[in-house]
Amino acid sequence: ADPKTALLGAAAQIGVFIAMLTAIALGFTLPEAASI
């Protein structure tokens, strides 16, 4: 009914990549960081 709200679902995925980059900075491997 309101397709533009799908962009908000996409924007929330920034949390995935922020946590991933933080995990890499803490010494996790790339596969581990992606899983976290």
All heavy atoms as atom14 arrays in JSON, in Angstrom:
{
  "sequence": "ADPKTALLGAAAQIGVFIAMLTAIALGFTLPEAASI",
  "atom14_mask": [
    [1, 1, 1, 1, 1, 0, 0, 0, 0, 0, 0, 0, 0, 0],
    [1, 1, 1, 1, 1, 1, 1, 1, 0, 0, 0, 0, 0, 0],
    [1, 1, 1, 1, 1, 1, 1, 0, 0, 0, 0, 0, 0, 0],
    [1, 1, 1, 1, 1, 1, 1, 1, 1, 0, 0, 0, 0, 0],
    [1, 1, 1, 1, 1, 1, 1, 0, 0, 0, 0, 0, 0, 0],
    [1, 1, 1, 1, 1, 0, 0, 0, 0, 0, 0, 0, 0, 0],
    [1, 1, 1, 1, 1, 1, 1, 1, 0, 0, 0, 0, 0, 0],
    [1, 1, 1, 1, 1, 1, 1, 1, 0, 0, 0, 0, 0, 0],
    [1, 1, 1, 1, 0, 0, 0, 0, 0, 0, 0, 0, 0, 0],
    [1, 1, 1, 1, 1, 0, 0, 0, 0, 0, 0, 0, 0, 0],
    [1, 1, 1, 1, 1, 0, 0, 0, 0, 0, 0, 0, 0, 0],
    [1, 1, 1, 1, 1, 0, 0, 0, 0, 0, 0, 0, 0, 0],
    [1, 1, 1, 1, 1, 1, 1, 1, 1, 0, 0, 0, 0, 0],
    [1, 1, 1, 1, 1, 1, 1, 1, 0, 0, 0, 0, 0, 0],
    [1, 1, 1, 1, 0, 0, 0, 0, 0, 0, 0, 0, 0, 0],
    [1, 1, 1, 1, 1, 1, 1, 0, 0, 0, 0, 0, 0, 0],
    [1, 1, 1, 1, 1, 1, 1, 1, 1, 1, 1, 0, 0, 0],
    [1, 1, 1, 1, 1, 1, 1, 1, 0, 0, 0, 0, 0, 0],
    [1, 1, 1, 1, 1, 0, 0, 0, 0, 0, 0, 0, 0, 0],
    [1, 1, 1, 1, 1, 1, 1, 1, 0, 0, 0, 0, 0, 0],
    [1, 1, 1, 1, 1, 1, 1, 1, 0, 0, 0, 0, 0, 0],
    [1, 1, 1, 1, 1, 1, 1, 0, 0, 0, 0, 0, 0, 0],
    [1, 1, 1, 1, 1, 0, 0, 0, 0, 0, 0, 0, 0, 0],
    [1, 1, 1, 1, 1, 1, 1, 1, 0, 0, 0, 0, 0, 0],
    [1, 1, 1, 1, 1, 0, 0, 0, 0, 0, 0, 0, 0, 0],
    [1, 1, 1, 1, 1, 1, 1, 1, 0, 0, 0, 0, 0, 0],
    [1, 1, 1, 1, 0, 0, 0, 0, 0, 0, 0, 0, 0, 0],
    [1, 1, 1, 1, 1, 1, 1, 1, 1, 1, 1, 0, 0, 0],
    [1, 1, 1, 1, 1, 1, 1, 0, 0, 0, 0, 0, 0, 0],
    [1, 1, 1, 1, 1, 1, 1, 1, 0, 0, 0, 0, 0, 0],
    [1, 1, 1, 1, 1, 1, 1, 0, 0, 0, 0, 0, 0, 0],
    [1, 1, 1, 1, 1, 1, 1, 1, 1, 0, 0, 0, 0, 0],
    [1, 1, 1, 1, 1, 0, 0, 0, 0, 0, 0, 0, 0, 0],
    [1, 1, 1, 1, 1, 0, 0, 0, 0, 0, 0, 0, 0, 0],
    [1, 1, 1, 1, 1, 1, 0, 0, 0, 0, 0, 0, 0, 0],
    [1, 1, 1, 1, 1, 1, 1, 1, 0, 0, 0, 0, 0, 0]
  ],
  "atom14_positions": [
    [[0.82, -1.21, 0.0], [0.0, 0.0, 0.0], [0.85, 1.26, 0.0], [0.46, 2.29, -0.55], [-0.93, -0.01, 1.21], [0.0, 0.0, 0.0], [0.0, 0.0, 0.0], [0.0, 0.0, 0.0], [0.0, 0.0, 0.0], [0.0, 0.0, 0.0], [0.0, 0.0, 0.0], [0.0, 0.0, 0.0], [0.0, 0.0, 0.0], [0.0, 0.0, 0.0]],
    [[2.03, 1.21, 0.62], [2.92, 2.38, 0.68], [4.35, 1.9, 0.41], [5.14, 1.71, 1.32], [2.82, 3.02, 2.07], [3.5, 4.38, 2.12], [4.01, 4.82, 1.07], [3.52, 4.99, 3.21], [0.0, 0.0, 0.0], [0.0, 0.0, 0.0], [0.0, 0.0, 0.0], [0.0, 0.0, 0.0], [0.0, 0.0, 0.0], [0.0, 0.0, 0.0]],
    [[4.69, 1.67, -0.86], [5.98, 1.05, -1.22], [7.21, 1.79, -0.7], [8.24, 1.18, -0.48], [5.95, 1.05, -2.75], [4.51, 1.12, -3.12], [3.87, 1.96, -2.06], [0.0, 0.0, 0.0], [0.0, 0.0, 0.0], [0.0, 0.0, 0.0], [0.0, 0.0, 0.0], [0.0, 0.0, 0.0], [0.0, 0.0, 0.0], [0.0, 0.0, 0.0]],
    [[7.11, 3.1, -0.49], [8.3, 3.83, -0.05], [8.75, 3.4, 1.35], [9.91, 3.61, 1.72], [8.06, 5.34, -0.08], [6.97, 5.86, 0.84], [6.84, 7.37, 0.71], [5.7, 7.92, 1.55], [4.37, 7.51, 1.03], [0.0, 0.0, 0.0], [0.0, 0.0, 0.0], [0.0, 0.0, 0.0], [0.0, 0.0, 0.0], [0.0, 0.0, 0.0]],
    [[7.85, 2.79, 2.11], [8.25, 2.32, 3.44], [9.25, 1.17, 3.35], [9.93, 0.87, 4.33], [7.03, 1.87, 4.26], [6.35, 0.81, 3.57], [6.07, 3.03, 4.49], [0.0, 0.0, 0.0], [0.0, 0.0, 0.0], [0.0, 0.0, 0.0], [0.0, 0.0, 0.0], [0.0, 0.0, 0.0], [0.0, 0.0, 0.0], [0.0, 0.0, 0.0]],
    [[9.34, 0.53, 2.17], [10.33, -0.52, 2.0], [11.74, 0.04, 2.14], [12.66, -0.67, 2.55], [10.17, -1.19, 0.63], [0.0, 0.0, 0.0], [0.0, 0.0, 0.0], [0.0, 0.0, 0.0], [0.0, 0.0, 0.0], [0.0, 0.0, 0.0], [0.0, 0.0, 0.0], [0.0, 0.0, 0.0], [0.0, 0.0, 0.0], [0.0, 0.0, 0.0]],
    [[11.91, 1.33, 1.83], [13.22, 1.96, 1.98], [13.64, 1.99, 3.44], [14.84, 1.91, 3.76], [13.18, 3.38, 1.42], [12.91, 3.52, -0.09], [12.77, 4.98, -0.47], [14.04, 2.86, -0.88], [0.0, 0.0, 0.0], [0.0, 0.0, 0.0], [0.0, 0.0, 0.0], [0.0, 0.0, 0.0], [0.0, 0.0, 0.0], [0.0, 0.0, 0.0]],
    [[12.67, 2.1, 4.33], [12.99, 2.11, 5.76], [13.48, 0.75, 6.21], [14.36, 0.65, 7.08], [11.75, 2.53, 6.56], [11.24, 3.94, 6.28], [9.89, 4.18, 6.95], [12.26, 4.97, 6.74], [0.0, 0.0, 0.0], [0.0, 0.0, 0.0], [0.0, 0.0, 0.0], [0.0, 0.0, 0.0], [0.0, 0.0, 0.0], [0.0, 0.0, 0.0]],
    [[12.92, -0.31, 5.63], [13.42, -1.65, 5.93], [14.83, -1.84, 5.45], [15.65, -2.51, 6.08], [0.0, 0.0, 0.0], [0.0, 0.0, 0.0], [0.0, 0.0, 0.0], [0.0, 0.0, 0.0], [0.0, 0.0, 0.0], [0.0, 0.0, 0.0], [0.0, 0.0, 0.0], [0.0, 0.0, 0.0], [0.0, 0.0, 0.0], [0.0, 0.0, 0.0]],
    [[15.15, -1.22, 4.31], [16.52, -1.3, 3.78], [17.48, -0.48, 4.64], [18.61, -0.9, 4.91], [16.54, -0.8, 2.34], [0.0, 0.0, 0.0], [0.0, 0.0, 0.0], [0.0, 0.0, 0.0], [0.0, 0.0, 0.0], [0.0, 0.0, 0.0], [0.0, 0.0, 0.0], [0.0, 0.0, 0.0], [0.0, 0.0, 0.0], [0.0, 0.0, 0.0]],
    [[17.02, 0.71, 5.1], [17.88, 1.58, 5.9], [18.27, 0.92, 7.22], [19.39, 1.13, 7.72], [17.18, 2.91, 6.17], [0.0, 0.0, 0.0], [0.0, 0.0, 0.0], [0.0, 0.0, 0.0], [0.0, 0.0, 0.0], [0.0, 0.0, 0.0], [0.0, 0.0, 0.0], [0.0, 0.0, 0.0], [0.0, 0.0, 0.0], [0.0, 0.0, 0.0]],
    [[17.36, 0.13, 7.77], [17.66, -0.52, 9.04], [18.8, -1.53, 8.93], [19.43, -1.88, 9.94], [16.41, -1.21, 9.59], [0.0, 0.0, 0.0], [0.0, 0.0, 0.0], [0.0, 0.0, 0.0], [0.0, 0.0, 0.0], [0.0, 0.0, 0.0], [0.0, 0.0, 0.0], [0.0, 0.0, 0.0], [0.0, 0.0, 0.0], [0.0, 0.0, 0.0]],
    [[19.07, -1.97, 7.7], [20.15, -2.94, 7.52], [21.52, -2.33, 7.76], [22.53, -3.04, 7.8], [20.09, -3.56, 6.13], [18.75, -4.19, 5.77], [18.23, -5.12, 6.85], [18.95, -5.99, 7.34], [16.96, -4.95, 7.21], [0.0, 0.0, 0.0], [0.0, 0.0, 0.0], [0.0, 0.0, 0.0], [0.0, 0.0, 0.0], [0.0, 0.0, 0.0]],
    [[21.58, -1.0, 7.95], [22.86, -0.38, 8.27], [23.43, -0.94, 9.56], [24.64, -0.99, 9.77], [22.71, 1.16, 8.36], [24.09, 1.82, 8.4], [21.88, 1.56, 9.58], [24.03, 3.34, 8.36], [0.0, 0.0, 0.0], [0.0, 0.0, 0.0], [0.0, 0.0, 0.0], [0.0, 0.0, 0.0], [0.0, 0.0, 0.0], [0.0, 0.0, 0.0]],
    [[22.52, -1.4, 10.44], [22.97, -2.01, 11.69], [23.8, -3.25, 11.46], [24.73, -3.54, 12.22], [0.0, 0.0, 0.0], [0.0, 0.0, 0.0], [0.0, 0.0, 0.0], [0.0, 0.0, 0.0], [0.0, 0.0, 0.0], [0.0, 0.0, 0.0], [0.0, 0.0, 0.0], [0.0, 0.0, 0.0], [0.0, 0.0, 0.0], [0.0, 0.0, 0.0]],
    [[23.47, -3.99, 10.4], [24.23, -5.2, 10.06], [25.68, -4.84, 9.77], [26.61, -5.47, 10.28], [23.6, -5.9, 8.83], [24.49, -7.05, 8.35], [22.2, -6.41, 9.16], [0.0, 0.0, 0.0], [0.0, 0.0, 0.0], [0.0, 0.0, 0.0], [0.0, 0.0, 0.0], [0.0, 0.0, 0.0], [0.0, 0.0, 0.0], [0.0, 0.0, 0.0]],
    [[25.87, -3.79, 8.98], [27.22, -3.46, 8.53], [28.0, -2.68, 9.59], [29.23, -2.8, 9.67], [27.13, -2.7, 7.21], [26.51, -3.52, 6.12], [25.16, -3.4, 5.79], [27.27, -4.48, 5.44], [24.59, -4.17, 4.8], [26.7, -5.27, 4.45], [25.37, -5.12, 4.14], [0.0, 0.0, 0.0], [0.0, 0.0, 0.0], [0.0, 0.0, 0.0]],
    [[27.32, -1.89, 10.44], [28.02, -1.23, 11.53], [28.54, -2.27, 12.52], [29.7, -2.21, 12.97], [27.08, -0.23, 12.23], [26.85, 0.98, 11.33], [27.67, 0.22, 13.57], [25.89, 2.0, 11.89], [0.0, 0.0, 0.0], [0.0, 0.0, 0.0], [0.0, 0.0, 0.0], [0.0, 0.0, 0.0], [0.0, 0.0, 0.0], [0.0, 0.0, 0.0]],
    [[27.69, -3.24, 12.88], [28.13, -4.29, 13.79], [29.23, -5.14, 13.17], [30.18, -5.56, 13.85], [26.94, -5.17, 14.19], [0.0, 0.0, 0.0], [0.0, 0.0, 0.0], [0.0, 0.0, 0.0], [0.0, 0.0, 0.0], [0.0, 0.0, 0.0], [0.0, 0.0, 0.0], [0.0, 0.0, 0.0], [0.0, 0.0, 0.0], [0.0, 0.0, 0.0]],
    [[29.14, -5.37, 11.88], [30.15, -6.16, 11.17], [31.5, -5.45, 11.2], [32.53, -6.06, 11.51], [29.7, -6.4, 9.73], [30.69, -7.18, 8.89], [30.05, -7.43, 7.2], [31.5, -8.13, 6.41], [0.0, 0.0, 0.0], [0.0, 0.0, 0.0], [0.0, 0.0, 0.0], [0.0, 0.0, 0.0], [0.0, 0.0, 0.0], [0.0, 0.0, 0.0]],
    [[31.52, -4.15, 10.91], [32.77, -3.4, 10.93], [33.35, -3.31, 12.34], [34.57, -3.38, 12.53], [32.54, -1.99, 10.36], [32.18, -1.92, 8.87], [31.82, -0.5, 8.47], [33.34, -2.44, 8.02], [0.0, 0.0, 0.0], [0.0, 0.0, 0.0], [0.0, 0.0, 0.0], [0.0, 0.0, 0.0], [0.0, 0.0, 0.0], [0.0, 0.0, 0.0]],
    [[32.46, -3.19, 13.33], [32.93, -3.16, 14.72], [33.55, -4.49, 15.1], [34.58, -4.54, 15.79], [31.76, -2.83, 15.66], [31.12, -1.63, 15.24], [32.25, -2.66, 17.09], [0.0, 0.0, 0.0], [0.0, 0.0, 0.0], [0.0, 0.0, 0.0], [0.0, 0.0, 0.0], [0.0, 0.0, 0.0], [0.0, 0.0, 0.0], [0.0, 0.0, 0.0]],
    [[32.94, -5.58, 14.65], [33.48, -6.91, 14.95], [34.86, -7.1, 14.31], [35.76, -7.67, 14.92], [32.51, -7.99, 14.46], [0.0, 0.0, 0.0], [0.0, 0.0, 0.0], [0.0, 0.0, 0.0], [0.0, 0.0, 0.0], [0.0, 0.0, 0.0], [0.0, 0.0, 0.0], [0.0, 0.0, 0.0], [0.0, 0.0, 0.0], [0.0, 0.0, 0.0]],
    [[35.0, -6.62, 13.09], [36.32, -6.71, 12.43], [37.36, -5.93, 13.22], [38.49, -6.39, 13.41], [36.21, -6.19, 10.98], [35.35, -7.12, 10.14], [37.61, -6.06, 10.35], [35.03, -6.58, 8.76], [0.0, 0.0, 0.0], [0.0, 0.0, 0.0], [0.0, 0.0, 0.0], [0.0, 0.0, 0.0], [0.0, 0.0, 0.0], [0.0, 0.0, 0.0]],
    [[36.97, -4.73, 13.7], [37.9, -3.91, 14.49], [38.3, -4.61, 15.79], [39.4, -4.37, 16.32], [37.26, -2.56, 14.8], [0.0, 0.0, 0.0], [0.0, 0.0, 0.0], [0.0, 0.0, 0.0], [0.0, 0.0, 0.0], [0.0, 0.0, 0.0], [0.0, 0.0, 0.0], [0.0, 0.0, 0.0], [0.0, 0.0, 0.0], [0.0, 0.0, 0.0]],
    [[37.43, -5.48, 16.3], [37.72, -6.2, 17.55], [38.5, -7.49, 17.31], [38.8, -8.21, 18.26], [36.42, -6.52, 18.29], [35.68, -5.31, 18.88], [34.33, -5.74, 19.46], [36.53, -4.64, 19.95], [0.0, 0.0, 0.0], [0.0, 0.0, 0.0], [0.0, 0.0, 0.0], [0.0, 0.0, 0.0], [0.0, 0.0, 0.0], [0.0, 0.0, 0.0]],
    [[38.8, -7.79, 16.06], [39.65, -8.94, 15.75], [38.94, -10.16, 15.22], [39.58, -11.2, 15.01], [0.0, 0.0, 0.0], [0.0, 0.0, 0.0], [0.0, 0.0, 0.0], [0.0, 0.0, 0.0], [0.0, 0.0, 0.0], [0.0, 0.0, 0.0], [0.0, 0.0, 0.0], [0.0, 0.0, 0.0], [0.0, 0.0, 0.0], [0.0, 0.0, 0.0]],
    [[37.64, -10.08, 14.97], [36.94, -11.22, 14.38], [37.3, -11.34, 12.91], [37.61, -10.34, 12.24], [35.43, -11.06, 14.53], [34.9, -11.26, 15.92], [34.76, -10.18, 16.79], [34.57, -12.52, 16.37], [34.27, -10.36, 18.08], [34.08, -12.72, 17.66], [33.94, -11.63, 18.52], [0.0, 0.0, 0.0], [0.0, 0.0, 0.0], [0.0, 0.0, 0.0]],
    [[37.24, -12.55, 12.39], [37.47, -12.75, 10.96], [36.27, -12.23, 10.17], [35.19, -12.0, 10.75], [37.67, -14.24, 10.64], [36.45, -14.95, 10.91], [38.81, -14.83, 11.47], [0.0, 0.0, 0.0], [0.0, 0.0, 0.0], [0.0, 0.0, 0.0], [0.0, 0.0, 0.0], [0.0, 0.0, 0.0], [0.0, 0.0, 0.0], [0.0, 0.0, 0.0]],
    [[36.43, -12.07, 8.87], [35.33, -11.57, 8.04], [34.08, -12.46, 8.11], [32.97, -11.95, 8.3], [35.79, -11.43, 6.59], [36.45, -10.09, 6.23], [37.01, -10.15, 4.81], [35.44, -8.96, 6.33], [0.0, 0.0, 0.0], [0.0, 0.0, 0.0], [0.0, 0.0, 0.0], [0.0, 0.0, 0.0], [0.0, 0.0, 0.0], [0.0, 0.0, 0.0]],
    [[34.22, -13.8, 7.98], [33.02, -14.65, 8.1], [32.37, -14.53, 9.47], [31.13, -14.5, 9.57], [33.57, -16.06, 7.85], [34.8, -15.85, 7.05], [35.4, -14.58, 7.57], [0.0, 0.0, 0.0], [0.0, 0.0, 0.0], [0.0, 0.0, 0.0], [0.0, 0.0, 0.0], [0.0, 0.0, 0.0], [0.0, 0.0, 0.0], [0.0, 0.0, 0.0]],
    [[33.18, -14.47, 10.54], [32.61, -14.32, 11.88], [31.91, -12.97, 12.02], [30.81, -12.88, 12.57], [33.71, -14.44, 12.93], [34.29, -15.84, 13.07], [35.52, -15.87, 13.96], [36.14, -14.8, 14.18], [35.88, -16.97, 14.43], [0.0, 0.0, 0.0], [0.0, 0.0, 0.0], [0.0, 0.0, 0.0], [0.0, 0.0, 0.0], [0.0, 0.0, 0.0]],
    [[32.55, -11.92, 11.5], [31.97, -10.58, 11.6], [30.65, -10.49, 10.85], [29.7, -9.85, 11.32], [32.96, -9.55, 11.06], [0.0, 0.0, 0.0], [0.0, 0.0, 0.0], [0.0, 0.0, 0.0], [0.0, 0.0, 0.0], [0.0, 0.0, 0.0], [0.0, 0.0, 0.0], [0.0, 0.0, 0.0], [0.0, 0.0, 0.0], [0.0, 0.0, 0.0]],
    [[30.57, -11.12, 9.69], [29.32, -11.12, 8.93], [28.22, -11.84, 9.7], [27.06, -11.39, 9.74], [29.54, -11.77, 7.57], [0.0, 0.0, 0.0], [0.0, 0.0, 0.0], [0.0, 0.0, 0.0], [0.0, 0.0, 0.0], [0.0, 0.0, 0.0], [0.0, 0.0, 0.0], [0.0, 0.0, 0.0], [0.0, 0.0, 0.0], [0.0, 0.0, 0.0]],
    [[28.56, -12.95, 10.33], [27.59, -13.71, 11.11], [27.11, -12.93, 12.33], [25.95, -13.04, 12.73], [28.22, -15.04, 11.57], [28.63, -15.81, 10.46], [0.0, 0.0, 0.0], [0.0, 0.0, 0.0], [0.0, 0.0, 0.0], [0.0, 0.0, 0.0], [0.0, 0.0, 0.0], [0.0, 0.0, 0.0], [0.0, 0.0, 0.0], [0.0, 0.0, 0.0]],
    [[28.0, -12.13, 12.9], [27.63, -11.29, 14.04], [26.79, -10.1, 13.56], [25.78, -9.74, 14.17], [28.89, -10.79, 14.77], [29.64, -11.98, 15.4], [28.53, -9.76, 15.85], [31.04, -11.64, 15.87], [0.0, 0.0, 0.0], [0.0, 0.0, 0.0], [0.0, 0.0, 0.0], [0.0, 0.0, 0.0], [0.0, 0.0, 0.0], [0.0, 0.0, 0.0]]
  ]
}
